[in-house]
Amino acid sequence: MTSRIYYSEEAEQTMKRQRLIDALMFTGLGIGIGSVVALLIAPNNGEKTRDIIADTLDEGFQRGRQATEDALGQLENEVPNLRERVTQLVGKTLH
């Protein structure tokens, strides 16, 4: 980056603001162009693509649900043992 001399704080702040606006504008423009190109060269039509996305999301949701159920089952099995272990440890520290 080049070193510039600004003659006021206001000029420096204005330039920083302009750089931010430029960066956001070019980022948005890049996203827009990328989206258009992706739609033009997509291997499937829109309906098939939506179906693929929906199936992938549903599969991920089902995996998440199964992982949650497994974790809850394991936790339910561990809670009674955990209480017993805590009671034993508290008993040992009090004696």
PDB file of N, CA and C in Angstrom:
ATOM      1  N   MET A   1       0.849  -1.170   0.000  1.00  0.00           N
ATOM      2  CA  MET A   1       0.000   0.000   0.000  1.00  0.00           C
ATOM      3  C   MET A   1       0.893   1.231   0.000  1.00  0.00           C
ATOM      4  N   THR A   2       0.487   2.219  -0.718  1.00  0.00           N
ATOM      5  CA  THR A   2       1.292   3.436  -0.796  1.00  0.00           C
ATOM      6  C   THR A   2       1.065   4.291   0.435  1.00  0.00           C
ATOM      7  N   SER A   3       2.091   5.017   0.797  1.00  0.00           N
ATOM      8  CA  SER A   3       2.007   5.909   1.942  1.00  0.00           C
ATOM      9  C   SER A   3       1.558   7.279   1.451  1.00  0.00           C
ATOM     10  N   ARG A   4       0.463   7.739   1.955  1.00  0.00           N
ATOM     11  CA  ARG A   4      -0.071   9.031   1.536  1.00  0.00           C
ATOM     12  C   ARG A   4      -0.089   9.979   2.724  1.00  0.00           C
ATOM     13  N   ILE A   5       0.018  11.222   2.422  1.00  0.00           N
ATOM     14  CA  ILE A   5      -0.058  12.258   3.444  1.00  0.00           C
ATOM     15  C   ILE A   5      -1.403  12.959   3.276  1.00  0.00           C
ATOM     16  N   TYR A   6      -2.190  12.944   4.333  1.00  0.00           N
ATOM     17  CA  TYR A   6      -3.479  13.630   4.313  1.00  0.00           C
ATOM     18  C   TYR A   6      -3.338  14.901   5.137  1.00  0.00           C
ATOM     19  N   TYR A   7      -3.962  15.954   4.640  1.00  0.00           N
ATOM     20  CA  TYR A   7      -3.811  17.248   5.294  1.00  0.00           C
ATOM     21  C   TYR A   7      -4.850  17.482   6.377  1.00  0.00           C
ATOM     22  N   SER A   8      -5.768  16.531   6.537  1.00  0.00           N
ATOM     23  CA  SER A   8      -6.728  16.648   7.633  1.00  0.00           C
ATOM     24  C   SER A   8      -7.233  15.259   7.995  1.00  0.00           C
ATOM     25  N   GLU A   9      -7.723  15.143   9.205  1.00  0.00           N
ATOM     26  CA  GLU A   9      -8.327  13.890   9.663  1.00  0.00           C
ATOM     27  C   GLU A   9      -9.558  13.583   8.820  1.00  0.00           C
ATOM     28  N   GLU A  10     -10.277  14.611   8.467  1.00  0.00           N
ATOM     29  CA  GLU A  10     -11.498  14.442   7.673  1.00  0.00           C
ATOM     30  C   GLU A  10     -11.173  13.859   6.300  1.00  0.00           C
ATOM     31  N   ALA A  11     -10.103  14.330   5.664  1.00  0.00           N
ATOM     32  CA  ALA A  11      -9.712  13.805   4.358  1.00  0.00           C
ATOM     33  C   ALA A  11      -9.310  12.330   4.476  1.00  0.00           C
ATOM     34  N   GLU A  12      -8.608  11.986   5.548  1.00  0.00           N
ATOM     35  CA  GLU A  12      -8.198  10.600   5.752  1.00  0.00           C
ATOM     36  C   GLU A  12      -9.418   9.704   5.983  1.00  0.00           C
ATOM     37  N   GLN A  13     -10.355  10.161   6.803  1.00  0.00           N
ATOM     38  CA  GLN A  13     -11.571   9.392   7.065  1.00  0.00           C
ATOM     39  C   GLN A  13     -12.407   9.234   5.796  1.00  0.00           C
ATOM     40  N   THR A  14     -12.492  10.289   4.996  1.00  0.00           N
ATOM     41  CA  THR A  14     -13.242  10.227   3.735  1.00  0.00           C
ATOM     42  C   THR A  14     -12.622   9.198   2.805  1.00  0.00           C
ATOM     43  N   MET A  15     -11.299   9.170   2.723  1.00  0.00           N
ATOM     44  CA  MET A  15     -10.619   8.208   1.856  1.00  0.00           C
ATOM     45  C   MET A  15     -10.832   6.778   2.355  1.00  0.00           C
ATOM     46  N   LYS A  16     -10.768   6.558   3.665  1.00  0.00           N
ATOM     47  CA  LYS A  16     -11.005   5.221   4.222  1.00  0.00           C
ATOM     48  C   LYS A  16     -12.433   4.769   3.917  1.00  0.00           C
ATOM     49  N   ARG A  17     -13.389   5.674   4.071  1.00  0.00           N
ATOM     50  CA  ARG A  17     -14.787   5.365   3.788  1.00  0.00           C
ATOM     51  C   ARG A  17     -14.959   5.009   2.312  1.00  0.00           C
ATOM     52  N   GLN A  18     -14.295   5.753   1.444  1.00  0.00           N
ATOM     53  CA  GLN A  18     -14.393   5.500   0.003  1.00  0.00           C
ATOM     54  C   GLN A  18     -13.779   4.148  -0.354  1.00  0.00           C
ATOM     55  N   ARG A  19     -12.672   3.793   0.283  1.00  0.00           N
ATOM     56  CA  ARG A  19     -12.057   2.478   0.042  1.00  0.00           C
ATOM     57  C   ARG A  19     -12.996   1.354   0.454  1.00  0.00           C
ATOM     58  N   LEU A  20     -13.659   1.523   1.595  1.00  0.00           N
ATOM     59  CA  LEU A  20     -14.603   0.521   2.070  1.00  0.00           C
ATOM     60  C   LEU A  20     -15.768   0.381   1.091  1.00  0.00           C
ATOM     61  N   ILE A  21     -16.305   1.504   0.645  1.00  0.00           N
ATOM     62  CA  ILE A  21     -17.404   1.475  -0.324  1.00  0.00           C
ATOM     63  C   ILE A  21     -16.969   0.793  -1.607  1.00  0.00           C
ATOM     64  N   ASP A  22     -15.768   1.108  -2.085  1.00  0.00           N
ATOM     65  CA  ASP A  22     -15.249   0.474  -3.303  1.00  0.00           C
ATOM     66  C   ASP A  22     -15.099  -1.037  -3.113  1.00  0.00           C
ATOM     67  N   ALA A  23     -14.552  -1.437  -1.973  1.00  0.00           N
ATOM     68  CA  ALA A  23     -14.356  -2.866  -1.717  1.00  0.00           C
ATOM     69  C   ALA A  23     -15.695  -3.590  -1.681  1.00  0.00           C
ATOM     70  N   LEU A  24     -16.683  -3.016  -1.009  1.00  0.00           N
ATOM     71  CA  LEU A  24     -18.010  -3.632  -0.948  1.00  0.00           C
ATOM     72  C   LEU A  24     -18.662  -3.682  -2.323  1.00  0.00           C
ATOM     73  N   MET A  25     -18.492  -2.635  -3.100  1.00  0.00           N
ATOM     74  CA  MET A  25     -19.083  -2.590  -4.434  1.00  0.00           C
ATOM     75  C   MET A  25     -18.466  -3.665  -5.328  1.00  0.00           C
ATOM     76  N   PHE A  26     -17.147  -3.785  -5.319  1.00  0.00           N
ATOM     77  CA  PHE A  26     -16.495  -4.792  -6.153  1.00  0.00           C
ATOM     78  C   PHE A  26     -16.814  -6.208  -5.671  1.00  0.00           C
ATOM     79  N   THR A  27     -16.945  -6.394  -4.360  1.00  0.00           N
ATOM     80  CA  THR A  27     -17.330  -7.701  -3.839  1.00  0.00           C
ATOM     81  C   THR A  27     -18.732  -8.064  -4.323  1.00  0.00           C
ATOM     82  N   GLY A  28     -19.662  -7.127  -4.211  1.00  0.00           N
ATOM     83  CA  GLY A  28     -21.029  -7.372  -4.692  1.00  0.00           C
ATOM     84  C   GLY A  28     -21.062  -7.647  -6.182  1.00  0.00           C
ATOM     85  N   LEU A  29     -20.286  -6.886  -6.932  1.00  0.00           N
ATOM     86  CA  LEU A  29     -20.220  -7.086  -8.377  1.00  0.00           C
ATOM     87  C   LEU A  29     -19.657  -8.476  -8.696  1.00  0.00           C
ATOM     88  N   GLY A  30     -18.638  -8.890  -7.980  1.00  0.00           N
ATOM     89  CA  GLY A  30     -18.065 -10.221  -8.185  1.00  0.00           C
ATOM     90  C   GLY A  30     -19.044 -11.329  -7.861  1.00  0.00           C
ATOM     91  N   ILE A  31     -19.791 -11.166  -6.772  1.00  0.00           N
ATOM     92  CA  ILE A  31     -20.804 -12.157  -6.408  1.00  0.00           C
ATOM     93  C   ILE A  31     -21.884 -12.227  -7.479  1.00  0.00           C
ATOM     94  N   GLY A  32     -22.305 -11.063  -7.962  1.00  0.00           N
ATOM     95  CA  GLY A  32     -23.330 -11.026  -9.003  1.00  0.00           C
ATOM     96  C   GLY A  32     -22.874 -11.698 -10.285  1.00  0.00           C
ATOM     97  N   ILE A  33     -21.685 -11.364 -10.741  1.00  0.00           N
ATOM     98  CA  ILE A  33     -21.150 -11.969 -11.970  1.00  0.00           C
ATOM     99  C   ILE A  33     -20.971 -13.474 -11.784  1.00  0.00           C
ATOM    100  N   GLY A  34     -20.457 -13.876 -10.624  1.00  0.00           N
ATOM    101  CA  GLY A  34     -20.283 -15.303 -10.346  1.00  0.00           C
ATOM    102  C   GLY A  34     -21.603 -16.055 -10.345  1.00  0.00           C
ATOM    103  N   SER A  35     -22.642 -15.437  -9.801  1.00  0.00           N
ATOM    104  CA  SER A  35     -23.961 -16.070  -9.778  1.00  0.00           C
ATOM    105  C   SER A  35     -24.505 -16.254 -11.185  1.00  0.00           C
ATOM    106  N   VAL A  36     -24.377 -15.228 -12.002  1.00  0.00           N
ATOM    107  CA  VAL A  36     -24.870 -15.314 -13.380  1.00  0.00           C
ATOM    108  C   VAL A  36     -24.111 -16.396 -14.151  1.00  0.00           C
ATOM    109  N   VAL A  37     -22.800 -16.427 -14.022  1.00  0.00           N
ATOM    110  CA  VAL A  37     -22.004 -17.439 -14.721  1.00  0.00           C
ATOM    111  C   VAL A  37     -22.385 -18.836 -14.234  1.00  0.00           C
ATOM    112  N   ALA A  38     -22.573 -18.993 -12.920  1.00  0.00           N
ATOM    113  CA  ALA A  38     -22.949 -20.304 -12.373  1.00  0.00           C
ATOM    114  C   ALA A  38     -24.293 -20.752 -12.935  1.00  0.00           C
ATOM    115  N   LEU A  39     -25.245 -19.835 -13.058  1.00  0.00           N
ATOM    116  CA  LEU A  39     -26.549 -20.201 -13.613  1.00  0.00           C
ATOM    117  C   LEU A  39     -26.449 -20.560 -15.088  1.00  0.00           C
ATOM    118  N   LEU A  40     -25.588 -19.874 -15.809  1.00  0.00           N
ATOM    119  CA  LEU A  40     -25.460 -20.135 -17.242  1.00  0.00           C
ATOM    120  C   LEU A  40     -24.792 -21.472 -17.536  1.00  0.00           C
ATOM    121  N   ILE A  41     -23.855 -21.884 -16.697  1.00  0.00           N
ATOM    122  CA  ILE A  41     -23.131 -23.125 -16.982  1.00  0.00           C
ATOM    123  C   ILE A  41     -23.546 -24.273 -16.063  1.00  0.00           C
ATOM    124  N   ALA A  42     -24.630 -24.111 -15.322  1.00  0.00           N
ATOM    125  CA  ALA A  42     -25.094 -25.162 -14.415  1.00  0.00           C
ATOM    126  C   ALA A  42     -25.442 -26.421 -15.214  1.00  0.00           C
ATOM    127  N   PRO A  43     -25.048 -27.591 -14.716  1.00  0.00           N
ATOM    128  CA  PRO A  43     -25.303 -28.825 -15.460  1.00  0.00           C
ATOM    129  C   PRO A  43     -26.764 -29.278 -15.394  1.00  0.00           C
ATOM    130  N   ASN A  44     -27.518 -28.801 -14.444  1.00  0.00           N
ATOM    131  CA  ASN A  44     -28.913 -29.216 -14.284  1.00  0.00           C
ATOM    132  C   ASN A  44     -29.834 -28.015 -14.399  1.00  0.00           C
ATOM    133  N   ASN A  45     -31.111 -28.305 -14.674  1.00  0.00           N
ATOM    134  CA  ASN A  45     -32.071 -27.208 -14.709  1.00  0.00           C
ATOM    135  C   ASN A  45     -32.421 -26.789 -13.284  1.00  0.00           C
ATOM    136  N   GLY A  46     -33.177 -25.727 -13.158  1.00  0.00           N
ATOM    137  CA  GLY A  46     -33.479 -25.160 -11.845  1.00  0.00           C
ATOM    138  C   GLY A  46     -34.228 -26.100 -10.932  1.00  0.00           C
ATOM    139  N   GLU A  47     -35.230 -26.810 -11.463  1.00  0.00           N
ATOM    140  CA  GLU A  47     -36.022 -27.709 -10.631  1.00  0.00           C
ATOM    141  C   GLU A  47     -35.169 -28.854 -10.088  1.00  0.00           C
ATOM    142  N   LYS A  48     -34.336 -29.423 -10.939  1.00  0.00           N
ATOM    143  CA  LYS A  48     -33.472 -30.524 -10.502  1.00  0.00           C
ATOM    144  C   LYS A  48     -32.460 -30.026  -9.467  1.00  0.00           C
ATOM    145  N   THR A  49     -31.919 -28.836  -9.688  1.00  0.00           N
ATOM    146  CA  THR A  49     -30.965 -28.261  -8.731  1.00  0.00           C
ATOM    147  C   THR A  49     -31.639 -28.026  -7.382  1.00  0.00           C
ATOM    148  N   ARG A  50     -32.857 -27.494  -7.396  1.00  0.00           N
ATOM    149  CA  ARG A  50     -33.592 -27.286  -6.136  1.00  0.00           C
ATOM    150  C   ARG A  50     -33.850 -28.610  -5.431  1.00  0.00           C
ATOM    151  N   ASP A  51     -34.186 -29.660  -6.203  1.00  0.00           N
ATOM    152  CA  ASP A  51     -34.406 -30.969  -5.608  1.00  0.00           C
ATOM    153  C   ASP A  51     -33.129 -31.509  -4.965  1.00  0.00           C
ATOM    154  N   ILE A  52     -32.004 -31.328  -5.645  1.00  0.00           N
ATOM    155  CA  ILE A  52     -30.723 -31.790  -5.101  1.00  0.00           C
ATOM    156  C   ILE A  52     -30.407 -31.051  -3.801  1.00  0.00           C
ATOM    157  N   ILE A  53     -30.613 -29.741  -3.803  1.00  0.00           N
ATOM    158  CA  ILE A  53     -30.339 -28.938  -2.593  1.00  0.00           C
ATOM    159  C   ILE A  53     -31.267 -29.367  -1.463  1.00  0.00           C
ATOM    160  N   ALA A  54     -32.564 -29.557  -1.768  1.00  0.00           N
ATOM    161  CA  ALA A  54     -33.523 -29.968  -0.741  1.00  0.00           C
ATOM    162  C   ALA A  54     -33.165 -31.337  -0.175  1.00  0.00           C
ATOM    163  N   ASP A  55     -32.787 -32.283  -1.046  1.00  0.00           N
ATOM    164  CA  ASP A  55     -32.407 -33.613  -0.574  1.00  0.00           C
ATOM    165  C   ASP A  55     -31.162 -33.555   0.302  1.00  0.00           C
ATOM    166  N   THR A  56     -30.191 -32.752  -0.092  1.00  0.00           N
ATOM    167  CA  THR A  56     -28.957 -32.618   0.684  1.00  0.00           C
ATOM    168  C   THR A  56     -29.243 -32.005   2.056  1.00  0.00           C
ATOM    169  N   LEU A  57     -30.084 -30.967   2.087  1.00  0.00           N
ATOM    170  CA  LEU A  57     -30.441 -30.346   3.365  1.00  0.00           C
ATOM    171  C   LEU A  57     -31.208 -31.316   4.254  1.00  0.00           C
ATOM    172  N   ASP A  58     -32.128 -32.084   3.659  1.00  0.00           N
ATOM    173  CA  ASP A  58     -32.898 -33.054   4.435  1.00  0.00           C
ATOM    174  C   ASP A  58     -31.988 -34.134   5.011  1.00  0.00           C
ATOM    175  N   GLU A  59     -31.039 -34.604   4.193  1.00  0.00           N
ATOM    176  CA  GLU A  59     -30.099 -35.609   4.665  1.00  0.00           C
ATOM    177  C   GLU A  59     -29.258 -35.069   5.822  1.00  0.00           C
ATOM    178  N   GLY A  60     -28.793 -33.840   5.696  1.00  0.00           N
ATOM    179  CA  GLY A  60     -28.021 -33.220   6.771  1.00  0.00           C
ATOM    180  C   GLY A  60     -28.851 -33.054   8.030  1.00  0.00           C
ATOM    181  N   PHE A  61     -30.123 -32.684   7.857  1.00  0.00           N
ATOM    182  CA  PHE A  61     -31.025 -32.527   9.007  1.00  0.00           C
ATOM    183  C   PHE A  61     -31.222 -33.866   9.706  1.00  0.00           C
ATOM    184  N   GLN A  62     -31.415 -34.928   8.917  1.00  0.00           N
ATOM    185  CA  GLN A  62     -31.611 -36.255   9.502  1.00  0.00           C
ATOM    186  C   GLN A  62     -30.359 -36.726  10.242  1.00  0.00           C
ATOM    187  N   ARG A  63     -29.189 -36.457   9.663  1.00  0.00           N
ATOM    188  CA  ARG A  63     -27.939 -36.821  10.344  1.00  0.00           C
ATOM    189  C   ARG A  63     -27.793 -36.059  11.652  1.00  0.00           C
ATOM    190  N   GLY A  64     -28.121 -34.771  11.626  1.00  0.00           N
ATOM    191  CA  GLY A  64     -28.050 -33.966  12.841  1.00  0.00           C
ATOM    192  C   GLY A  64     -29.006 -34.463  13.901  1.00  0.00           C
ATOM    193  N   ARG A  65     -30.213 -34.819  13.477  1.00  0.00           N
ATOM    194  CA  ARG A  65     -31.212 -35.347  14.416  1.00  0.00           C
ATOM    195  C   ARG A  65     -30.715 -36.648  15.032  1.00  0.00           C
ATOM    196  N   GLN A  66     -30.153 -37.538  14.203  1.00  0.00           N
ATOM    197  CA  GLN A  66     -29.651 -38.814  14.713  1.00  0.00           C
ATOM    198  C   GLN A  66     -28.489 -38.597  15.678  1.00  0.00           C
ATOM    199  N   ALA A  67     -27.586 -37.695  15.347  1.00  0.00           N
ATOM    200  CA  ALA A  67     -26.457 -37.410  16.233  1.00  0.00           C
ATOM    201  C   ALA A  67     -26.934 -36.847  17.563  1.00  0.00           C
ATOM    202  N   THR A  68     -27.954 -35.991  17.515  1.00  0.00           N
ATOM    203  CA  THR A  68     -28.513 -35.428  18.748  1.00  0.00           C
ATOM    204  C   THR A  68     -29.162 -36.506  19.593  1.00  0.00           C
ATOM    205  N   GLU A  69     -29.936 -37.395  18.941  1.00  0.00           N
ATOM    206  CA  GLU A  69     -30.576 -38.489  19.678  1.00  0.00           C
ATOM    207  C   GLU A  69     -29.534 -39.406  20.308  1.00  0.00           C
ATOM    208  N   ASP A  70     -28.463 -39.700  19.572  1.00  0.00           N
ATOM    209  CA  ASP A  70     -27.392 -40.541  20.118  1.00  0.00           C
ATOM    210  C   ASP A  70     -26.741 -39.883  21.320  1.00  0.00           C
ATOM    211  N   ALA A  71     -26.464 -38.588  21.211  1.00  0.00           N
ATOM    212  CA  ALA A  71     -25.823 -37.868  22.317  1.00  0.00           C
ATOM    213  C   ALA A  71     -26.744 -37.821  23.535  1.00  0.00           C
ATOM    214  N   LEU A  72     -28.039 -37.587  23.301  1.00  0.00           N
ATOM    215  CA  LEU A  72     -28.981 -37.556  24.424  1.00  0.00           C
ATOM    216  C   LEU A  72     -29.105 -38.923  25.083  1.00  0.00           C
ATOM    217  N   GLY A  73     -29.122 -39.983  24.275  1.00  0.00           N
ATOM    218  CA  GLY A  73     -29.180 -41.333  24.833  1.00  0.00           C
ATOM    219  C   GLY A  73     -27.967 -41.632  25.695  1.00  0.00           C
ATOM    220  N   GLN A  74     -26.799 -41.255  25.206  1.00  0.00           N
ATOM    221  CA  GLN A  74     -25.572 -41.473  25.972  1.00  0.00           C
ATOM    222  C   GLN A  74     -25.600 -40.654  27.260  1.00  0.00           C
ATOM    223  N   LEU A  75     -26.073 -39.429  27.169  1.00  0.00           N
ATOM    224  CA  LEU A  75     -26.164 -38.579  28.354  1.00  0.00           C
ATOM    225  C   LEU A  75     -27.133 -39.157  29.371  1.00  0.00           C
ATOM    226  N   GLU A  76     -28.275 -39.668  28.898  1.00  0.00           N
ATOM    227  CA  GLU A  76     -29.245 -40.289  29.809  1.00  0.00           C
ATOM    228  C   GLU A  76     -28.648 -41.500  30.513  1.00  0.00           C
ATOM    229  N   ASN A  77     -27.805 -42.248  29.814  1.00  0.00           N
ATOM    230  CA  ASN A  77     -27.153 -43.406  30.434  1.00  0.00           C
ATOM    231  C   ASN A  77     -26.086 -42.985  31.436  1.00  0.00           C
ATOM    232  N   GLU A  78     -25.448 -41.860  31.201  1.00  0.00           N
ATOM    233  CA  GLU A  78     -24.346 -41.415  32.053  1.00  0.00           C
ATOM    234  C   GLU A  78     -24.803 -40.645  33.290  1.00  0.00           C
ATOM    235  N   VAL A  79     -25.963 -40.006  33.236  1.00  0.00           N
ATOM    236  CA  VAL A  79     -26.403 -39.162  34.357  1.00  0.00           C
ATOM    237  C   VAL A  79     -26.522 -39.947  35.653  1.00  0.00           C
ATOM    238  N   PRO A  80     -27.171 -41.123  35.686  1.00  0.00           N
ATOM    239  CA  PRO A  80     -27.223 -41.849  36.969  1.00  0.00           C
ATOM    240  C   PRO A  80     -25.833 -42.204  37.484  1.00  0.00           C
ATOM    241  N   ASN A  81     -24.951 -42.638  36.599  1.00  0.00           N
ATOM    242  CA  ASN A  81     -23.587 -42.969  37.018  1.00  0.00           C
ATOM    243  C   ASN A  81     -22.845 -41.727  37.490  1.00  0.00           C
ATOM    244  N   LEU A  82     -23.098 -40.612  36.848  1.00  0.00           N
ATOM    245  CA  LEU A  82     -22.441 -39.368  37.229  1.00  0.00           C
ATOM    246  C   LEU A  82     -22.861 -38.951  38.628  1.00  0.00           C
ATOM    247  N   ARG A  83     -24.145 -39.046  38.912  1.00  0.00           N
ATOM    248  CA  ARG A  83     -24.614 -38.695  40.263  1.00  0.00           C
ATOM    249  C   ARG A  83     -23.972 -39.595  41.311  1.00  0.00           C
ATOM    250  N   GLU A  84     -23.885 -40.880  41.009  1.00  0.00           N
ATOM    251  CA  GLU A  84     -23.275 -41.814  41.954  1.00  0.00           C
ATOM    252  C   GLU A  84     -21.809 -41.479  42.176  1.00  0.00           C
ATOM    253  N   ARG A  85     -21.088 -41.193  41.099  1.00  0.00           N
ATOM    254  CA  ARG A  85     -19.667 -40.846  41.224  1.00  0.00           C
ATOM    255  C   ARG A  85     -19.470 -39.553  42.010  1.00  0.00           C
ATOM    256  N   VAL A  86     -20.306 -38.556  41.762  1.00  0.00           N
ATOM    257  CA  VAL A  86     -20.197 -37.297  42.498  1.00  0.00           C
ATOM    258  C   VAL A  86     -20.477 -37.531  43.978  1.00  0.00           C
ATOM    259  N   THR A  87     -21.488 -38.329  44.274  1.00  0.00           N
ATOM    260  CA  THR A  87     -21.812 -38.622  45.667  1.00  0.00           C
ATOM    261  C   THR A  87     -20.635 -39.323  46.353  1.00  0.00           C
ATOM    262  N   GLN A  88     -20.013 -40.264  45.655  1.00  0.00           N
ATOM    263  CA  GLN A  88     -18.851 -40.965  46.215  1.00  0.00           C
ATOM    264  C   GLN A  88     -17.695 -39.999  46.447  1.00  0.00           C
ATOM    265  N   LEU A  89     -17.414 -39.131  45.483  1.00  0.00           N
ATOM    266  CA  LEU A  89     -16.321 -38.185  45.630  1.00  0.00           C
ATOM    267  C   LEU A  89     -16.574 -37.194  46.774  1.00  0.00           C
ATOM    268  N   VAL A  90     -17.818 -36.726  46.882  1.00  0.00           N
ATOM    269  CA  VAL A  90     -18.155 -35.812  47.970  1.00  0.00           C
ATOM    270  C   VAL A  90     -18.007 -36.532  49.296  1.00  0.00           C
ATOM    271  N   GLY A  91     -18.438 -37.789  49.343  1.00  0.00           N
ATOM    272  CA  GLY A  91     -18.296 -38.564  50.584  1.00  0.00           C
ATOM    273  C   GLY A  91     -16.845 -38.742  50.971  1.00  0.00           C
ATOM    274  N   LYS A  92     -15.984 -38.974  49.984  1.00  0.00           N
ATOM    275  CA  LYS A  92     -14.562 -39.165  50.266  1.00  0.00           C
ATOM    276  C   LYS A  92     -13.917 -37.886  50.767  1.00  0.00           C
ATOM    277  N   THR A  93     -14.307 -36.754  50.197  1.00  0.00           N
ATOM    278  CA  THR A  93     -13.692 -35.480  50.615  1.00  0.00           C
ATOM    279  C   THR A  93     -14.180 -35.041  51.983  1.00  0.00           C
ATOM    280  N   LEU A  94     -15.374 -35.470  52.383  1.00  0.00           N
ATOM    281  CA  LEU A  94     -15.900 -35.059  53.691  1.00  0.00           C
ATOM    282  C   LEU A  94     -15.305 -35.910  54.810  1.00  0.00           C
ATOM    283  N   HIS A  95     -14.814 -37.102  54.490  1.00  0.00           N
ATOM    284  CA  HIS A  95     -14.285 -37.994  55.532  1.00  0.00           C
ATOM    285  C   HIS A  95     -12.833 -37.825  55.726  1.00  0.00           C
TER     286      HIS A  95
END
